[in-house]
Amino acid sequence: MTTIQKTSALLLCVVALVLIYFLNPILAPFLAGIIIAYLGDPLVDKLEEVRIHRSIGVLLVFLAFAAVIGAATLVILPLMVRELADLVGSIPSFLAWLQETASPWLVTRFGIDPFDVNLDNVANRVMGSWQKTGGIVGAVLARVTQSGFAFLGFLGVLGLTPVVAFYMMRDWDLVMARIVAMVPRDMEPSFIRLCKECDEVLGAFLRGQLLIMFLLGVVYAIGLYAVGLELAILIGMLAGLASIVPYLGFFVGIIAATVAAMFQFQDPVYLVYVGIVFLIGQALEGWVLTPWLVGDKIGLHPVAVIFAVLAGGQLFGFVGILLALPLAAVVMVFVRYLYTRYLGSEYYGARDGTRDGTRDQDVMVETKETKETKETKETVIKE
């Protein structure tokens, strides 16, 4: 790689970062469209193999995606809204249990009363605020419609995303071929190899890690539903989403389920049942789902995962949180490549005055010369 090529690549990266920074407000539909196109391209390629025109294949894939998302929304969202409404509605009874049962027990055993407040006023305020907002759907709609520009922007993202995804999915192979054609010929093998590694990592995450999150949410929801928890679906889906960070889903889910179980049953034996559910889910994730669907292709340390998620949220908000892990996995591909190049570089070998591997050869040569010298001396002495 010549100096001009290195300088051009560096300038291109700087320009891309500057553009991303200044165009951040309008990038959401394009990023979402590219992700959808990336996920759908293998399916469209399969349809092309059975001689279905690519545009028709793209429409079929779109219909399949829409059917899955629509079915999940129609089935899961009303249940979660109902569970959340039941949670808010049961707050007064839980506060009464704290005041009538838990507080006397603590006073009798330890002589303290941590609930020495007027809990009736707290319950009335909570219920009044909930009724004023008209439920969770009303609260969300009120928040969205506070600003006309924000609402129009949301509609724009919602409308542009499928358009971008359709054209990107239809022309995906053509776009990739043109990108490869622009790469300098001497860099093409390395470029293609890095792209394949990035594709493996992204595929492992998008088609593997996201599926693991969904399956874990289903496992947790079914297990908590079998226990009898009223908030089973809500807590299960929350734990599944939090599983994007290793062990975070387990801790978030078990804490929320423990509080909800005490809230609903007021019996410690149900805490054991909740613990069993989450231990089963954790065992399935570690021994079955992750080795089967992801393996070790992503290769991110848990600390790196946490840092990537926090950094993405700080820089780009919620979208940054969603894109943090796949981008970090791709960055790790290039870091490993640069690390390998560094180990084979003159700069690394200059530490001992030699390139990597030549020092051992020199030692072997030196040892051989020393032996020959000793043999020569012994021969001279004998003569």
Protein backbone atom coordinates (compact mmCIF):
# COMPACT_ATOMS: atom_id res chain seq x y z
CA MET A 1 0.00 0.00 0.00
CA THR A 2 1.63 3.23 -1.19
CA THR A 3 1.77 6.51 0.72
CA ILE A 4 -0.76 8.07 -1.66
CA GLN A 5 -3.18 5.21 -1.05
CA LYS A 6 -2.78 5.48 2.73
CA THR A 7 -3.33 9.25 2.61
CA SER A 8 -6.39 8.88 0.39
CA ALA A 9 -7.90 6.23 2.66
CA LEU A 10 -7.30 8.39 5.74
CA LEU A 11 -8.88 11.45 4.10
CA LEU A 12 -11.85 9.35 2.99
CA CYS A 13 -12.40 8.13 6.56
CA VAL A 14 -12.19 11.68 7.93
CA VAL A 15 -14.69 13.00 5.34
CA ALA A 16 -17.06 10.11 6.09
CA LEU A 17 -16.93 10.79 9.85
CA VAL A 18 -17.53 14.52 9.31
CA LEU A 19 -20.51 13.81 7.04
CA ILE A 20 -21.96 11.34 9.54
CA TYR A 21 -21.64 13.94 12.31
CA PHE A 22 -23.36 16.75 10.38
CA LEU A 23 -25.97 14.57 8.64
CA ASN A 24 -26.86 12.61 11.76
CA PRO A 25 -30.47 13.97 11.97
CA ILE A 26 -31.41 12.53 8.55
CA LEU A 27 -29.46 9.26 8.63
CA ALA A 28 -32.06 7.17 10.50
CA PRO A 29 -34.17 6.03 7.49
CA PHE A 30 -31.06 5.27 5.42
CA LEU A 31 -29.41 3.22 8.17
CA ALA A 32 -32.65 1.35 8.86
CA GLY A 33 -33.15 0.74 5.12
CA ILE A 34 -29.60 -0.57 4.68
CA ILE A 35 -30.01 -2.93 7.65
CA ILE A 36 -33.30 -4.28 6.27
CA ALA A 37 -31.71 -4.71 2.83
CA TYR A 38 -28.74 -6.54 4.36
CA LEU A 39 -31.06 -8.91 6.22
CA GLY A 40 -33.27 -9.52 3.20
CA ASP A 41 -30.61 -9.89 0.49
CA PRO A 42 -29.84 -13.59 1.19
CA LEU A 43 -33.56 -14.40 0.93
CA VAL A 44 -33.85 -12.52 -2.35
CA ASP A 45 -30.78 -14.38 -3.68
CA LYS A 46 -32.47 -17.69 -2.80
CA LEU A 47 -35.58 -16.63 -4.71
CA GLU A 48 -33.42 -15.65 -7.69
CA GLU A 49 -31.96 -19.16 -7.74
CA VAL A 50 -35.46 -20.53 -8.43
CA ARG A 51 -35.81 -18.04 -11.31
CA ILE A 52 -37.97 -15.43 -9.61
CA HIS A 53 -37.27 -11.89 -10.83
CA ARG A 54 -35.32 -9.90 -8.26
CA SER A 55 -37.91 -7.10 -7.97
CA ILE A 56 -40.68 -9.63 -7.36
CA GLY A 57 -38.46 -11.42 -4.84
CA VAL A 58 -37.91 -8.13 -2.99
CA LEU A 59 -41.69 -7.59 -2.81
CA LEU A 60 -42.20 -11.12 -1.43
CA VAL A 61 -39.54 -10.58 1.22
CA PHE A 62 -41.11 -7.25 2.15
CA LEU A 63 -44.51 -8.91 2.54
CA ALA A 64 -42.97 -11.61 4.75
CA PHE A 65 -41.24 -9.00 6.95
CA ALA A 66 -44.43 -6.95 7.23
CA ALA A 67 -46.49 -10.02 8.14
CA VAL A 68 -44.08 -11.04 10.92
CA ILE A 69 -43.78 -7.54 12.38
CA GLY A 70 -47.53 -6.91 12.10
CA ALA A 71 -48.43 -10.21 13.77
CA ALA A 72 -45.96 -9.62 16.60
CA THR A 73 -47.29 -6.09 17.12
CA LEU A 74 -50.94 -7.12 17.11
CA VAL A 75 -50.37 -10.02 19.50
CA ILE A 76 -47.69 -8.79 21.93
CA LEU A 77 -48.36 -5.03 22.22
CA PRO A 78 -51.97 -5.26 23.53
CA LEU A 79 -50.89 -7.88 26.10
CA MET A 80 -48.03 -5.68 27.32
CA VAL A 81 -50.31 -2.64 27.56
CA ARG A 82 -52.87 -4.65 29.52
CA GLU A 83 -50.20 -5.99 31.87
CA LEU A 84 -48.84 -2.50 32.48
CA ALA A 85 -52.33 -1.22 33.22
CA ASP A 86 -52.86 -4.10 35.68
CA LEU A 87 -49.55 -3.24 37.33
CA VAL A 88 -50.54 0.37 37.90
CA GLY A 89 -54.00 -0.66 39.07
CA SER A 90 -52.57 -2.99 41.73
CA ILE A 91 -50.29 -0.36 43.29
CA PRO A 92 -52.83 0.68 46.00
CA SER A 93 -53.24 -2.91 47.22
CA PHE A 94 -49.48 -3.41 47.32
CA LEU A 95 -48.98 -0.22 49.29
CA ALA A 96 -51.70 -1.37 51.69
CA TRP A 97 -49.86 -4.69 52.14
CA LEU A 98 -46.67 -2.80 52.93
CA GLN A 99 -48.43 -0.73 55.56
CA GLU A 100 -50.57 -3.49 57.11
CA THR A 101 -48.29 -6.56 56.87
CA ALA A 102 -44.67 -5.73 56.15
CA SER A 103 -44.46 -2.69 58.43
CA PRO A 104 -45.81 -4.44 61.59
CA TRP A 105 -43.47 -7.39 61.00
CA LEU A 106 -40.44 -5.10 60.77
CA VAL A 107 -41.52 -3.19 63.87
CA THR A 108 -41.95 -6.44 65.83
CA ARG A 109 -38.65 -8.00 64.73
CA PHE A 110 -36.30 -5.00 64.37
CA GLY A 111 -38.11 -2.07 65.98
CA ILE A 112 -38.05 0.02 62.79
CA ASP A 113 -40.81 1.22 60.51
CA PRO A 114 -39.45 2.22 57.07
CA PHE A 115 -43.00 2.76 55.79
CA ASP A 116 -43.92 5.49 58.24
CA VAL A 117 -45.53 7.61 55.53
CA ASN A 118 -49.07 8.24 54.43
CA LEU A 119 -49.24 5.60 51.70
CA ASP A 120 -52.88 6.39 50.92
CA ASN A 121 -51.84 9.77 49.53
CA VAL A 122 -49.13 8.09 47.43
CA ALA A 123 -51.64 5.61 46.01
CA ASN A 124 -54.16 8.35 45.23
CA ARG A 125 -51.55 10.43 43.43
CA VAL A 126 -50.36 7.48 41.34
CA MET A 127 -53.88 6.52 40.32
CA GLY A 128 -54.79 10.14 39.60
CA SER A 129 -51.76 10.61 37.34
CA TRP A 130 -52.50 7.36 35.52
CA GLN A 131 -56.14 8.27 34.88
CA LYS A 132 -55.18 11.75 33.74
CA THR A 133 -52.88 10.40 31.02
CA GLY A 134 -55.57 8.02 29.80
CA GLY A 135 -53.33 4.96 29.78
CA ILE A 136 -49.98 4.19 28.29
CA VAL A 137 -51.13 4.60 24.67
CA GLY A 138 -52.51 8.05 25.41
CA ALA A 139 -49.27 9.04 27.12
CA VAL A 140 -47.19 7.94 24.14
CA LEU A 141 -49.44 9.72 21.66
CA ALA A 142 -49.43 12.89 23.75
CA ARG A 143 -45.64 12.83 23.85
CA VAL A 144 -45.30 12.26 20.11
CA THR A 145 -47.73 15.01 19.13
CA GLN A 146 -46.20 17.68 21.38
CA SER A 147 -44.20 18.95 18.47
CA GLY A 148 -45.53 19.05 14.93
CA PHE A 149 -42.04 18.90 13.46
CA ALA A 150 -41.13 15.85 15.56
CA PHE A 151 -44.27 14.08 14.44
CA LEU A 152 -43.63 14.93 10.79
CA GLY A 153 -40.05 13.73 11.18
CA PHE A 154 -41.29 10.46 12.61
CA LEU A 155 -43.66 10.03 9.67
CA GLY A 156 -40.82 10.85 7.27
CA VAL A 157 -38.57 8.18 8.78
CA LEU A 158 -41.43 5.70 8.76
CA GLY A 159 -42.19 6.43 5.11
CA LEU A 160 -38.64 6.65 3.75
CA THR A 161 -37.31 3.51 5.42
CA PRO A 162 -39.21 0.97 3.24
CA VAL A 163 -38.41 3.00 0.09
CA VAL A 164 -34.67 3.01 0.85
CA ALA A 165 -34.81 -0.66 1.86
CA PHE A 166 -36.58 -1.65 -1.38
CA TYR A 167 -34.05 0.00 -3.70
CA MET A 168 -31.05 -1.12 -1.65
CA MET A 169 -32.31 -4.71 -1.53
CA ARG A 170 -33.02 -4.73 -5.25
CA ASP A 171 -29.61 -3.30 -6.22
CA TRP A 172 -27.55 -4.80 -3.37
CA ASP A 173 -25.37 -7.05 -5.55
CA LEU A 174 -24.81 -4.25 -8.08
CA VAL A 175 -23.78 -1.77 -5.37
CA MET A 176 -21.37 -4.28 -3.81
CA ALA A 177 -19.81 -5.05 -7.22
CA ARG A 178 -19.25 -1.35 -7.94
CA ILE A 179 -17.66 -0.79 -4.54
CA VAL A 180 -15.26 -3.68 -5.15
CA ALA A 181 -14.48 -2.32 -8.63
CA MET A 182 -13.31 1.00 -7.11
CA VAL A 183 -10.79 -0.66 -4.80
CA PRO A 184 -7.15 -0.54 -6.00
CA ARG A 185 -6.17 -3.85 -7.59
CA ASP A 186 -3.32 -4.62 -5.19
CA MET A 187 -5.65 -4.10 -2.20
CA GLU A 188 -8.57 -6.12 -3.57
CA PRO A 189 -7.71 -9.50 -1.94
CA SER A 190 -7.32 -7.95 1.53
CA PHE A 191 -10.44 -5.83 1.04
CA ILE A 192 -12.56 -8.82 0.03
CA ARG A 193 -11.24 -10.90 2.93
CA LEU A 194 -12.06 -8.14 5.43
CA CYS A 195 -15.52 -7.70 3.92
CA LYS A 196 -16.18 -11.43 4.28
CA GLU A 197 -15.09 -11.35 7.92
CA CYS A 198 -17.32 -8.33 8.56
CA ASP A 199 -20.21 -10.14 6.87
CA GLU A 200 -19.68 -13.17 9.12
CA VAL A 201 -19.61 -10.98 12.22
CA LEU A 202 -22.66 -8.93 11.23
CA GLY A 203 -24.53 -12.06 10.20
CA ALA A 204 -23.71 -13.68 13.54
CA PHE A 205 -25.04 -10.63 15.36
CA LEU A 206 -28.06 -9.63 13.29
CA ARG A 207 -29.22 -13.14 12.45
CA GLY A 208 -27.91 -14.75 15.64
CA GLN A 209 -27.79 -12.40 18.61
CA LEU A 210 -31.15 -10.78 17.82
CA LEU A 211 -32.72 -14.23 17.49
CA ILE A 212 -31.21 -15.19 20.85
CA MET A 213 -32.74 -12.08 22.42
CA PHE A 214 -36.16 -12.97 21.01
CA LEU A 215 -35.95 -16.63 22.07
CA LEU A 216 -34.81 -15.70 25.57
CA GLY A 217 -37.72 -13.27 25.87
CA VAL A 218 -40.09 -16.05 24.85
CA VAL A 219 -38.52 -18.52 27.31
CA TYR A 220 -38.69 -16.04 30.19
CA ALA A 221 -42.26 -15.03 29.34
CA ILE A 222 -43.49 -18.65 29.13
CA GLY A 223 -41.70 -19.60 32.35
CA LEU A 224 -43.06 -16.64 34.30
CA TYR A 225 -46.52 -17.25 32.86
CA ALA A 226 -46.32 -20.86 34.10
CA VAL A 227 -45.43 -19.51 37.55
CA GLY A 228 -48.58 -17.41 37.38
CA LEU A 229 -47.01 -13.95 37.20
CA GLU A 230 -49.38 -11.37 35.72
CA LEU A 231 -46.51 -9.36 34.20
CA ALA A 232 -44.93 -12.39 32.52
CA ILE A 233 -44.86 -11.07 28.93
CA LEU A 234 -43.73 -7.56 29.90
CA ILE A 235 -40.86 -8.77 32.09
CA GLY A 236 -39.91 -11.54 29.65
CA MET A 237 -39.61 -9.17 26.70
CA LEU A 238 -37.70 -6.65 28.84
CA ALA A 239 -35.23 -9.33 29.92
CA GLY A 240 -34.85 -10.49 26.32
CA LEU A 241 -34.07 -6.98 25.08
CA ALA A 242 -31.58 -6.41 27.90
CA SER A 243 -29.78 -9.64 26.89
CA ILE A 244 -27.99 -7.63 24.20
CA VAL A 245 -25.42 -7.09 26.99
CA PRO A 246 -24.15 -10.36 28.53
CA TYR A 247 -25.81 -11.15 31.87
CA LEU A 248 -27.68 -7.83 31.91
CA GLY A 249 -30.92 -9.48 30.79
CA PHE A 250 -30.60 -12.06 33.56
CA PHE A 251 -30.13 -9.47 36.32
CA VAL A 252 -32.74 -7.02 35.00
CA GLY A 253 -35.28 -9.80 34.51
CA ILE A 254 -34.78 -11.56 37.82
CA ILE A 255 -34.92 -8.29 39.80
CA ALA A 256 -38.09 -7.13 38.02
CA ALA A 257 -39.70 -10.58 38.35
CA THR A 258 -38.79 -10.79 42.04
CA VAL A 259 -40.38 -7.43 42.78
CA ALA A 260 -43.45 -8.34 40.72
CA ALA A 261 -43.78 -11.74 42.47
CA MET A 262 -43.66 -10.15 45.92
CA PHE A 263 -46.04 -7.50 44.60
CA GLN A 264 -48.55 -10.11 43.39
CA PHE A 265 -48.21 -13.22 45.58
CA GLN A 266 -46.67 -11.85 48.78
CA ASP A 267 -45.22 -15.34 49.33
CA PRO A 268 -41.43 -16.04 49.37
CA VAL A 269 -41.85 -19.47 47.75
CA TYR A 270 -42.61 -17.82 44.41
CA LEU A 271 -39.18 -16.19 44.49
CA VAL A 272 -37.70 -19.69 44.22
CA TYR A 273 -39.86 -20.37 41.16
CA VAL A 274 -38.72 -17.11 39.56
CA GLY A 275 -35.08 -18.00 40.23
CA ILE A 276 -35.55 -21.42 38.60
CA VAL A 277 -37.05 -19.82 35.48
CA PHE A 278 -34.12 -17.46 35.01
CA LEU A 279 -31.52 -20.13 35.77
CA ILE A 280 -33.07 -22.30 33.05
CA GLY A 281 -33.00 -19.36 30.64
CA GLN A 282 -29.37 -18.60 31.47
CA ALA A 283 -28.39 -22.25 30.97
CA LEU A 284 -30.15 -22.35 27.60
CA GLU A 285 -28.37 -19.17 26.50
CA GLY A 286 -24.90 -20.31 27.54
CA TRP A 287 -25.03 -23.98 26.54
CA VAL A 288 -27.43 -24.10 23.58
CA LEU A 289 -28.44 -20.80 21.95
CA THR A 290 -25.14 -18.89 21.87
CA PRO A 291 -22.93 -21.81 20.70
CA TRP A 292 -25.54 -22.83 18.12
CA LEU A 293 -26.54 -19.44 16.67
CA VAL A 294 -23.52 -17.19 17.24
CA GLY A 295 -20.48 -19.18 18.31
CA ASP A 296 -17.34 -17.12 18.84
CA LYS A 297 -17.60 -15.03 15.68
CA ILE A 298 -18.42 -11.71 17.39
CA GLY A 299 -15.53 -11.99 19.86
CA LEU A 300 -16.37 -8.97 22.03
CA HIS A 301 -15.44 -8.97 25.70
CA PRO A 302 -18.38 -8.18 28.04
CA VAL A 303 -16.63 -4.98 29.17
CA ALA A 304 -16.24 -3.93 25.52
CA VAL A 305 -19.94 -4.64 24.96
CA ILE A 306 -20.95 -2.41 27.89
CA PHE A 307 -18.61 0.37 26.74
CA ALA A 308 -19.89 0.17 23.15
CA VAL A 309 -23.53 0.39 24.23
CA LEU A 310 -22.90 3.35 26.56
CA ALA A 311 -20.75 5.16 23.98
CA GLY A 312 -23.36 4.63 21.25
CA GLY A 313 -26.10 5.98 23.50
CA GLN A 314 -24.02 9.01 24.46
CA LEU A 315 -23.12 9.88 20.86
CA PHE A 316 -26.28 9.03 18.90
CA GLY A 317 -29.02 8.32 21.45
CA PHE A 318 -31.32 5.31 21.07
CA VAL A 319 -30.19 4.67 17.49
CA GLY A 320 -26.60 4.59 18.73
CA ILE A 321 -27.52 1.95 21.31
CA LEU A 322 -29.04 -0.24 18.59
CA LEU A 323 -26.04 0.14 16.26
CA ALA A 324 -23.30 0.06 18.90
CA LEU A 325 -22.67 -3.69 19.01
CA PRO A 326 -22.66 -4.46 15.27
CA LEU A 327 -20.38 -1.48 14.62
CA ALA A 328 -18.10 -2.49 17.49
CA ALA A 329 -17.91 -6.03 16.08
CA VAL A 330 -16.93 -4.66 12.66
CA VAL A 331 -14.33 -2.38 14.25
CA MET A 332 -12.86 -5.42 16.02
CA VAL A 333 -12.35 -7.10 12.62
CA PHE A 334 -10.20 -4.17 11.49
CA VAL A 335 -8.41 -4.00 14.86
CA ARG A 336 -7.43 -7.67 14.58
CA TYR A 337 -6.26 -7.08 11.01
CA LEU A 338 -4.14 -4.06 12.02
CA TYR A 339 -2.77 -6.00 14.98
CA THR A 340 -1.65 -8.83 12.69
CA ARG A 341 -0.04 -6.32 10.30
CA TYR A 342 1.70 -4.65 13.23
CA LEU A 343 3.21 -7.94 14.43
CA GLY A 344 4.68 -8.47 10.97
CA SER A 345 5.90 -4.90 10.54
CA GLU A 346 9.47 -3.57 10.67
CA TYR A 347 8.50 -1.32 13.58
CA TYR A 348 7.55 -4.30 15.74
CA GLY A 349 10.67 -6.26 14.68
CA ALA A 350 12.90 -3.22 15.30
CA ARG A 351 12.33 -3.63 19.02
CA ASP A 352 14.98 -6.38 19.07
CA GLY A 353 16.72 -5.20 15.94
CA THR A 354 15.13 -7.99 13.89
CA ARG A 355 11.82 -8.86 12.30
CA ASP A 356 9.50 -11.29 14.04
CA GLY A 357 10.81 -14.81 13.75
CA THR A 358 14.29 -13.89 12.50
CA ARG A 359 15.71 -13.68 16.00
CA ASP A 360 15.16 -17.39 16.56
CA GLN A 361 16.82 -18.16 13.24
CA ASP A 362 19.80 -16.00 14.16
CA VAL A 363 20.10 -17.80 17.51
CA MET A 364 20.07 -21.15 15.73
CA VAL A 365 22.77 -19.97 13.29
CA GLU A 366 24.83 -18.55 16.15
CA THR A 367 24.55 -21.83 18.06
CA LYS A 368 25.58 -23.81 14.99
CA GLU A 369 28.60 -21.52 14.40
CA THR A 370 29.60 -21.84 18.06
CA LYS A 371 29.53 -25.63 17.87
CA GLU A 372 31.62 -25.61 14.70
CA THR A 373 34.15 -23.27 16.35
CA LYS A 374 34.43 -25.53 19.40
CA GLU A 375 34.95 -28.60 17.23
CA THR A 376 37.67 -26.77 15.28
CA LYS A 377 39.44 -25.78 18.51
CA GLU A 378 39.27 -29.34 19.87
CA THR A 379 40.76 -30.67 16.60
CA VAL A 380 43.61 -28.16 16.77
CA ILE A 381 44.37 -29.07 20.40
CA LYS A 382 44.46 -32.80 19.61
CA GLU A 383 46.84 -32.20 16.70
